[in-house]
Amino acid sequence: MSLEEDKQQTKRNDLVVTILLFCCALFIVSSVYVTTPLTSDFSKIYQVTPTAAAWPTSIFSVFYALGFLLFGPLSDRLGRKQIILFGLCTLTLVTMAIGLVESFQLFLLLRGLQGFMAATFAPSALAYVYDVFPEMKIPTVIGFISFGFVTAGIFGQVLAGIVNQTFDWQMVFIVFGGIYLGCSLSVYFLLPKGINSKREMLVKDYFKKVKQIFTTKDLLLTYLITSMLLLTFIGMYTVLGEYLSSSPFYLSEKGILIIRAVGIIGMMISPFTGYFIRQFGLIHVFRTGMLFSVLGLIAVGATQNLFIIAVLTIFFVAGISITFPSIMILVGNLGGEDRAVAASFYTFILFIGATLGPIVATQFMQVVSYFTTLVLLALLLAIGLMASFFINIKSGSRSA
């Protein structure tokens, strides 16, 4: 094989791996959201209160966040591909089992296990990208993975709603189980094993790494910013949903979902983050994304025109979609050889923010107006933007 043919083959292989990682990110994170449109069904079928019917989402979230703290370090010990494949195989079995159970208690138990196993992907995938891809391609690949993460919030709800309306809620989990089976086979056959990153790591070594991470100023600032991202993202959509369902709009759940789906347009910028970083530098792209998000939030709250609101959410989501891959790259760079552990805490903090988002937004709405609530959420993002100016640019500016 000639040198040119070898380069073309490498490009094709990188493209296949990138698409595969994107698909895994999209489908795995969708599991967080699939129960959101099914809450009323759970309440009727299991004869539980609406609050109890929301437990499947909450329990998944709790165990999902906890799983991050385990599987990142394990990928150092056992290998990235091995952890990703193990997680997908287990997800296949657990997800299909959820569609077959009749007991609500067993259903909750399996949802917790599903959340825990879903956490195998994110920290392992971030470390895997650094292991396998050349430096110049890392931002682009992480941009695609991030695109899968942010799109899952809408994709999971829409697909679950369609399957539920066509068949029933059990079929939602059977379908996703089948998807995870396909992902498992694809990972097994198409995902390169990568470098031999297996390292012996005792418990004391792990805590030593954790101590080092949490005494690194730049990583702490990055985690502070991370805590604001999904908190404000989900908080905004929580507030917007309540606002659009009341006077003067009175939109139905379907209408609100359409407005939310418009945000996908803004998400489509995420895969191009790598190009922007090559042109303008990581830290500048990162701050620009944060600034777009801050201004977008305030603008969404300042208008009462439904069409303009939908358009402005695109700008807000675009800012968040640029910020996500940028901050993932920062964490990977700042984490160095311990990036799997650093990524574990990144994803843990990120999802804690997602859990707090609806709670914080709802509390704000009970005290102040819709516009003021969005301004307060924008202020949280602005604090993150200001914190970025104290991050050591050289240590976190791996350009591609």
Protein backbone atom coordinates (compact mmCIF):
# COMPACT_ATOMS: atom_id res chain seq x y z
CA MET A 1 0.00 0.00 0.00
CA SER A 2 1.35 3.43 -1.01
CA LEU A 3 1.75 6.31 1.44
CA GLU A 4 -1.22 8.15 -0.11
CA GLU A 5 -3.44 5.06 0.11
CA ASP A 6 -2.37 4.59 3.72
CA LYS A 7 -3.37 8.19 4.52
CA GLN A 8 -6.76 7.71 2.87
CA GLN A 9 -7.33 4.50 4.84
CA THR A 10 -6.44 6.29 8.09
CA LYS A 11 -8.91 9.08 7.26
CA ARG A 12 -11.68 6.55 6.60
CA ASN A 13 -10.95 4.73 9.84
CA ASP A 14 -10.95 7.99 11.83
CA LEU A 15 -14.27 8.96 10.26
CA VAL A 16 -15.84 5.60 11.16
CA VAL A 17 -14.63 5.83 14.76
CA THR A 18 -15.83 9.44 15.05
CA ILE A 19 -19.32 8.55 13.78
CA LEU A 20 -19.45 5.52 16.07
CA LEU A 21 -18.50 7.57 19.14
CA PHE A 22 -21.11 10.19 18.20
CA CYS A 23 -23.82 7.53 17.86
CA CYS A 24 -22.90 5.94 21.21
CA ALA A 25 -22.99 9.37 22.89
CA LEU A 26 -26.38 10.15 21.37
CA PHE A 27 -28.05 6.83 22.20
CA ILE A 28 -26.54 6.29 25.65
CA VAL A 29 -27.31 9.76 26.98
CA SER A 30 -30.82 9.54 25.49
CA SER A 31 -31.60 7.05 28.26
CA VAL A 32 -31.55 9.94 30.71
CA TYR A 33 -34.52 11.51 28.97
CA VAL A 34 -36.66 8.63 27.66
CA THR A 35 -38.85 8.48 30.77
CA THR A 36 -39.74 12.20 30.64
CA PRO A 37 -42.63 11.79 28.13
CA LEU A 38 -43.73 8.55 29.85
CA THR A 39 -44.39 9.96 33.34
CA SER A 40 -48.18 10.09 32.95
CA ASP A 41 -48.19 6.48 31.70
CA PHE A 42 -46.24 5.32 34.76
CA SER A 43 -48.69 7.13 37.03
CA LYS A 44 -51.69 5.37 35.45
CA ILE A 45 -50.19 1.90 34.94
CA TYR A 46 -48.50 1.58 38.33
CA GLN A 47 -51.18 3.66 40.12
CA VAL A 48 -48.66 5.95 41.79
CA THR A 49 -48.62 9.70 42.38
CA PRO A 50 -47.16 12.03 39.74
CA THR A 51 -44.22 12.63 42.08
CA ALA A 52 -43.52 8.90 42.35
CA ALA A 53 -43.94 8.56 38.58
CA ALA A 54 -40.97 10.93 38.16
CA TRP A 55 -38.70 8.66 40.26
CA PRO A 56 -37.48 6.62 37.24
CA THR A 57 -35.77 9.76 35.93
CA SER A 58 -34.43 10.88 39.31
CA ILE A 59 -33.03 7.46 40.25
CA PHE A 60 -31.35 7.11 36.87
CA SER A 61 -29.77 10.54 37.33
CA VAL A 62 -28.39 9.79 40.80
CA PHE A 63 -26.76 6.51 39.81
CA TYR A 64 -25.60 7.97 36.50
CA ALA A 65 -23.67 10.68 38.35
CA LEU A 66 -22.22 8.20 40.86
CA GLY A 67 -21.11 5.85 38.09
CA PHE A 68 -18.84 8.50 36.60
CA LEU A 69 -16.65 8.42 39.71
CA LEU A 70 -15.98 4.70 39.24
CA PHE A 71 -15.69 4.05 35.53
CA GLY A 72 -13.20 6.78 34.63
CA PRO A 73 -10.52 5.32 36.94
CA LEU A 74 -11.49 1.78 35.89
CA SER A 75 -10.78 2.64 32.27
CA ASP A 76 -7.22 3.44 33.34
CA ARG A 77 -6.97 0.02 34.93
CA LEU A 78 -8.87 -2.14 32.43
CA GLY A 79 -8.72 -0.21 29.16
CA ARG A 80 -11.01 2.32 27.45
CA LYS A 81 -12.59 0.07 24.83
CA GLN A 82 -13.14 -2.71 27.35
CA ILE A 83 -15.09 -0.42 29.70
CA ILE A 84 -17.17 1.07 26.85
CA LEU A 85 -17.99 -2.40 25.49
CA PHE A 86 -18.80 -3.79 28.94
CA GLY A 87 -21.14 -0.86 29.57
CA LEU A 88 -22.96 -1.27 26.26
CA CYS A 89 -23.42 -5.02 26.68
CA THR A 90 -24.79 -4.55 30.18
CA LEU A 91 -27.01 -1.69 29.02
CA THR A 92 -28.47 -3.95 26.33
CA LEU A 93 -29.57 -6.55 28.88
CA VAL A 94 -30.75 -4.13 31.57
CA THR A 95 -32.66 -1.89 29.13
CA MET A 96 -34.54 -4.81 27.57
CA ALA A 97 -35.29 -6.19 31.04
CA ILE A 98 -36.91 -2.88 32.02
CA GLY A 99 -39.44 -3.37 29.23
CA LEU A 100 -40.43 -6.76 30.65
CA VAL A 101 -40.91 -6.06 34.37
CA GLU A 102 -44.30 -5.53 35.98
CA SER A 103 -43.25 -4.46 39.49
CA PHE A 104 -42.70 -0.72 39.96
CA GLN A 105 -40.04 -1.39 42.61
CA LEU A 106 -38.11 -3.68 40.26
CA PHE A 107 -38.54 -1.13 37.50
CA LEU A 108 -36.90 1.54 39.70
CA LEU A 109 -34.09 -0.84 40.65
CA LEU A 110 -33.32 -1.56 37.00
CA ARG A 111 -33.45 2.13 36.10
CA GLY A 112 -30.83 2.81 38.77
CA LEU A 113 -28.65 0.01 37.36
CA GLN A 114 -29.20 1.35 33.85
CA GLY A 115 -28.04 4.81 34.92
CA PHE A 116 -24.99 3.38 36.65
CA MET A 117 -23.93 1.41 33.58
CA ALA A 118 -24.64 4.30 31.22
CA ALA A 119 -21.87 6.17 33.06
CA THR A 120 -19.27 3.84 31.51
CA PHE A 121 -19.17 5.82 28.29
CA ALA A 122 -18.45 9.54 28.83
CA PRO A 123 -15.19 9.53 30.86
CA SER A 124 -13.85 6.48 29.01
CA ALA A 125 -14.64 8.00 25.60
CA LEU A 126 -12.95 11.32 26.43
CA ALA A 127 -9.75 9.55 27.52
CA TYR A 128 -10.00 7.20 24.51
CA VAL A 129 -10.00 10.12 22.07
CA TYR A 130 -6.75 11.42 23.54
CA ASP A 131 -5.24 7.91 23.35
CA VAL A 132 -6.16 7.17 19.74
CA PHE A 133 -6.47 10.36 17.70
CA PRO A 134 -3.66 12.68 16.62
CA GLU A 135 -3.61 16.03 18.41
CA MET A 136 -4.96 17.99 15.43
CA LYS A 137 -8.13 15.87 15.23
CA ILE A 138 -8.99 15.78 18.94
CA PRO A 139 -11.14 18.96 19.02
CA THR A 140 -13.22 17.82 16.04
CA VAL A 141 -13.86 14.34 17.47
CA ILE A 142 -14.79 15.76 20.87
CA GLY A 143 -17.05 18.23 19.07
CA PHE A 144 -18.98 15.32 17.54
CA ILE A 145 -19.20 13.49 20.87
CA SER A 146 -20.44 16.67 22.53
CA PHE A 147 -22.98 17.06 19.71
CA GLY A 148 -24.31 13.62 20.60
CA PHE A 149 -24.55 14.55 24.29
CA VAL A 150 -26.51 17.77 23.79
CA THR A 151 -28.77 16.39 21.04
CA ALA A 152 -29.74 13.43 23.24
CA GLY A 153 -31.89 15.68 25.42
CA ILE A 154 -34.34 16.20 22.58
CA PHE A 155 -33.74 13.01 20.59
CA GLY A 156 -34.45 10.75 23.58
CA GLN A 157 -37.76 12.44 24.36
CA VAL A 158 -38.93 12.54 20.74
CA LEU A 159 -38.07 8.90 19.93
CA ALA A 160 -39.60 7.68 23.21
CA GLY A 161 -42.77 9.67 22.52
CA ILE A 162 -43.11 8.30 18.98
CA VAL A 163 -42.56 4.67 20.04
CA ASN A 164 -44.93 5.05 23.00
CA GLN A 165 -47.70 6.50 20.84
CA THR A 166 -47.22 3.81 18.18
CA PHE A 167 -46.86 0.82 20.52
CA ASP A 168 -46.56 1.20 24.32
CA TRP A 169 -44.03 2.32 26.94
CA GLN A 170 -42.45 -1.13 27.29
CA MET A 171 -41.52 -1.08 23.61
CA VAL A 172 -39.49 2.09 24.21
CA PHE A 173 -37.01 0.09 26.28
CA ILE A 174 -37.05 -2.87 23.90
CA VAL A 175 -36.17 -0.53 21.03
CA PHE A 176 -33.37 1.15 22.96
CA GLY A 177 -32.10 -2.26 24.06
CA GLY A 178 -31.88 -3.23 20.40
CA ILE A 179 -30.03 0.00 19.65
CA TYR A 180 -27.50 -0.75 22.41
CA LEU A 181 -27.02 -4.25 21.00
CA GLY A 182 -26.17 -2.69 17.63
CA CYS A 183 -23.77 -0.27 19.33
CA SER A 184 -22.13 -3.15 21.21
CA LEU A 185 -21.47 -5.07 18.02
CA SER A 186 -20.21 -1.95 16.27
CA VAL A 187 -17.82 -1.12 19.10
CA TYR A 188 -16.53 -4.70 19.20
CA PHE A 189 -15.82 -4.88 15.48
CA LEU A 190 -15.07 -1.27 14.50
CA LEU A 191 -13.51 0.48 17.49
CA PRO A 192 -9.71 0.08 17.57
CA LYS A 193 -8.33 -1.16 20.86
CA GLY A 194 -6.02 1.83 21.08
CA ILE A 195 -2.81 2.08 23.02
CA ASN A 196 -2.16 -0.15 25.98
CA SER A 197 -3.25 2.28 28.68
CA LYS A 198 -3.78 -0.30 31.41
CA ARG A 199 -2.12 0.79 34.61
CA GLU A 200 -2.01 -0.67 38.06
CA MET A 201 -3.87 1.63 40.40
CA LEU A 202 -4.40 1.05 44.08
CA VAL A 203 -7.05 2.84 46.12
CA LYS A 204 -4.39 5.07 47.68
CA ASP A 205 -3.15 5.98 44.19
CA TYR A 206 -6.66 6.96 43.18
CA PHE A 207 -7.10 9.27 46.16
CA LYS A 208 -3.68 10.73 45.45
CA LYS A 209 -4.83 11.58 41.93
CA VAL A 210 -8.08 13.05 43.26
CA LYS A 211 -6.14 15.22 45.71
CA GLN A 212 -3.90 16.42 42.92
CA ILE A 213 -6.88 17.25 40.71
CA PHE A 214 -8.64 19.22 43.43
CA THR A 215 -5.52 21.18 44.27
CA THR A 216 -5.06 22.27 40.65
CA LYS A 217 -6.45 25.79 40.35
CA ASP A 218 -7.15 25.60 36.62
CA LEU A 219 -9.14 22.36 36.93
CA LEU A 220 -11.13 23.75 39.87
CA LEU A 221 -12.05 26.81 37.80
CA THR A 222 -13.02 24.52 34.93
CA TYR A 223 -15.24 22.49 37.26
CA LEU A 224 -16.85 25.70 38.53
CA ILE A 225 -17.77 26.61 34.96
CA THR A 226 -18.92 23.04 34.30
CA SER A 227 -21.40 23.22 37.18
CA MET A 228 -23.14 26.14 35.45
CA LEU A 229 -23.59 24.60 31.99
CA LEU A 230 -26.36 22.01 32.24
CA LEU A 231 -27.81 23.81 35.27
CA THR A 232 -28.56 26.86 33.12
CA PHE A 233 -29.32 24.83 29.96
CA ILE A 234 -31.97 22.62 31.56
CA GLY A 235 -33.05 25.45 33.87
CA MET A 236 -33.80 27.66 30.87
CA TYR A 237 -35.91 25.01 29.17
CA THR A 238 -37.75 24.30 32.45
CA VAL A 239 -38.63 27.99 32.84
CA LEU A 240 -39.46 28.36 29.15
CA GLY A 241 -41.81 25.37 29.29
CA GLU A 242 -43.75 26.84 32.21
CA TYR A 243 -43.86 30.25 30.55
CA LEU A 244 -45.14 28.96 27.19
CA SER A 245 -47.80 26.77 28.80
CA SER A 246 -49.42 29.80 30.45
CA SER A 247 -50.86 33.12 29.26
CA PRO A 248 -50.62 34.45 26.57
CA PHE A 249 -49.36 31.35 24.72
CA TYR A 250 -51.08 28.33 26.32
CA LEU A 251 -49.00 25.91 24.28
CA SER A 252 -49.59 22.18 24.63
CA GLU A 253 -46.82 19.72 25.51
CA LYS A 254 -46.47 18.98 21.80
CA GLY A 255 -46.13 22.69 20.99
CA ILE A 256 -43.52 23.19 23.71
CA LEU A 257 -41.56 20.19 22.42
CA ILE A 258 -41.53 21.76 18.95
CA ILE A 259 -40.05 24.97 20.36
CA ARG A 260 -37.45 22.91 22.20
CA ALA A 261 -36.68 20.93 19.05
CA VAL A 262 -35.84 24.17 17.23
CA GLY A 263 -32.79 24.34 19.49
CA ILE A 264 -31.29 21.41 17.56
CA ILE A 265 -30.35 23.94 14.88
CA GLY A 266 -28.03 25.61 17.39
CA MET A 267 -26.58 22.24 18.39
CA MET A 268 -25.40 21.60 14.85
CA ILE A 269 -22.51 24.01 15.34
CA SER A 270 -20.88 21.66 17.86
CA PRO A 271 -19.07 19.41 15.32
CA PHE A 272 -17.40 22.52 13.84
CA THR A 273 -15.84 23.53 17.15
CA GLY A 274 -12.57 21.89 16.12
CA TYR A 275 -12.38 24.14 13.05
CA PHE A 276 -13.05 27.26 15.15
CA ILE A 277 -10.36 26.23 17.64
CA ARG A 278 -7.81 25.80 14.84
CA GLN A 279 -8.67 29.26 13.54
CA PHE A 280 -9.03 31.26 16.74
CA GLY A 281 -7.61 29.19 19.63
CA LEU A 282 -9.29 27.13 22.32
CA ILE A 283 -9.68 29.75 25.03
CA HIS A 284 -11.15 32.35 22.65
CA VAL A 285 -13.71 29.89 21.26
CA PHE A 286 -14.57 28.81 24.79
CA ARG A 287 -15.20 32.38 25.97
CA THR A 288 -17.15 33.24 22.82
CA GLY A 289 -19.47 30.28 23.42
CA MET A 290 -20.03 31.39 27.02
CA LEU A 291 -20.73 34.97 25.91
CA PHE A 292 -23.27 33.81 23.29
CA SER A 293 -25.02 31.77 25.98
CA VAL A 294 -25.20 34.68 28.44
CA LEU A 295 -26.55 37.12 25.86
CA GLY A 296 -28.91 34.49 24.43
CA LEU A 297 -30.46 33.81 27.83
CA ILE A 298 -31.13 37.48 28.50
CA ALA A 299 -32.53 38.00 24.99
CA VAL A 300 -34.92 35.02 25.32
CA GLY A 301 -36.36 36.56 28.48
CA ALA A 302 -36.65 40.04 26.98
CA THR A 303 -39.11 39.18 24.18
CA GLN A 304 -42.73 38.01 24.17
CA ASN A 305 -42.91 37.06 20.50
CA LEU A 306 -43.08 33.27 20.11
CA PHE A 307 -41.19 33.17 16.81
CA ILE A 308 -38.40 35.42 18.11
CA ILE A 309 -38.17 33.33 21.30
CA ALA A 310 -37.67 30.19 19.18
CA VAL A 311 -34.96 31.91 17.08
CA LEU A 312 -33.16 33.26 20.15
CA THR A 313 -33.04 29.81 21.76
CA ILE A 314 -30.95 28.77 18.75
CA PHE A 315 -28.31 31.36 19.68
CA PHE A 316 -28.34 30.29 23.32
CA VAL A 317 -28.02 26.61 22.42
CA ALA A 318 -25.30 27.40 19.85
CA GLY A 319 -23.25 29.07 22.59
CA ILE A 320 -23.68 26.09 24.92
CA SER A 321 -22.88 23.70 22.07
CA ILE A 322 -19.57 25.46 21.42
CA THR A 323 -18.76 25.61 25.12
CA PHE A 324 -19.29 21.89 25.77
CA PRO A 325 -16.55 20.47 23.53
CA SER A 326 -14.24 23.36 24.45
CA ILE A 327 -14.47 22.62 28.16
CA MET A 328 -14.11 18.88 27.52
CA ILE A 329 -10.85 19.60 25.71
CA LEU A 330 -9.72 21.85 28.57
CA VAL A 331 -10.38 19.07 31.07
CA GLY A 332 -8.52 16.57 28.90
CA ASN A 333 -5.55 18.89 28.53
CA LEU A 334 -5.40 19.91 32.18
CA GLY A 335 -5.88 16.33 33.38
CA GLY A 336 -2.79 15.08 31.54
CA GLU A 337 -2.15 11.38 32.15
CA ASP A 338 -4.93 11.43 34.76
CA ARG A 339 -7.49 12.79 32.32
CA ALA A 340 -9.81 9.77 32.83
CA VAL A 341 -10.11 10.65 36.54
CA ALA A 342 -10.41 14.35 35.71
CA ALA A 343 -13.12 13.52 33.15
CA SER A 344 -14.97 11.45 35.76
CA PHE A 345 -15.31 14.45 38.04
CA TYR A 346 -16.16 16.67 35.06
CA THR A 347 -19.08 14.46 34.05
CA PHE A 348 -20.15 14.00 37.69
CA ILE A 349 -20.25 17.76 38.29
CA LEU A 350 -21.88 18.37 34.91
CA PHE A 351 -24.73 16.01 35.71
CA ILE A 352 -25.16 17.27 39.25
CA GLY A 353 -25.75 20.63 37.59
CA ALA A 354 -28.32 19.01 35.31
CA THR A 355 -30.12 17.58 38.34
CA LEU A 356 -30.13 20.96 40.09
CA GLY A 357 -31.22 22.89 36.99
CA PRO A 358 -35.00 22.36 37.24
CA ILE A 359 -34.91 22.80 41.04
CA VAL A 360 -32.99 26.09 40.93
CA ALA A 361 -35.05 27.46 38.04
CA THR A 362 -38.35 26.56 39.72
CA GLN A 363 -37.24 28.18 42.99
CA PHE A 364 -36.31 31.35 41.12
CA MET A 365 -39.69 31.40 39.36
CA GLN A 366 -41.53 31.21 42.67
CA VAL A 367 -39.80 34.35 43.90
CA VAL A 368 -39.21 36.49 40.79
CA SER A 369 -40.56 36.95 37.27
CA TYR A 370 -39.80 34.88 34.16
CA PHE A 371 -37.42 37.53 32.78
CA THR A 372 -35.61 37.96 36.10
CA THR A 373 -35.21 34.19 36.41
CA LEU A 374 -33.46 34.03 33.04
CA VAL A 375 -31.29 37.00 34.00
CA LEU A 376 -30.26 35.19 37.19
CA LEU A 377 -29.41 32.07 35.18
CA ALA A 378 -27.43 34.26 32.78
CA LEU A 379 -25.62 35.73 35.78
CA LEU A 380 -24.51 32.22 36.81
CA LEU A 381 -23.10 31.70 33.32
CA ALA A 382 -21.47 35.13 33.48
CA ILE A 383 -19.67 34.07 36.67
CA GLY A 384 -18.35 31.08 34.72
CA LEU A 385 -17.27 33.36 31.89
CA MET A 386 -15.35 35.59 34.31
CA ALA A 387 -13.74 32.52 35.91
CA SER A 388 -12.36 31.52 32.50
CA PHE A 389 -10.08 34.57 32.52
CA PHE A 390 -8.22 33.10 35.50
CA ILE A 391 -7.48 29.79 33.78
CA ASN A 392 -3.87 29.38 32.69
CA ILE A 393 -4.25 29.72 28.94
CA LYS A 394 -1.00 27.93 28.09
CA SER A 395 -1.87 24.84 30.14
CA GLY A 396 -5.32 24.66 28.62
CA SER A 397 -4.82 25.86 25.09
CA ARG A 398 -4.03 22.79 23.09
CA SER A 399 -4.87 23.99 19.65
CA ALA A 400 -5.53 21.65 16.83
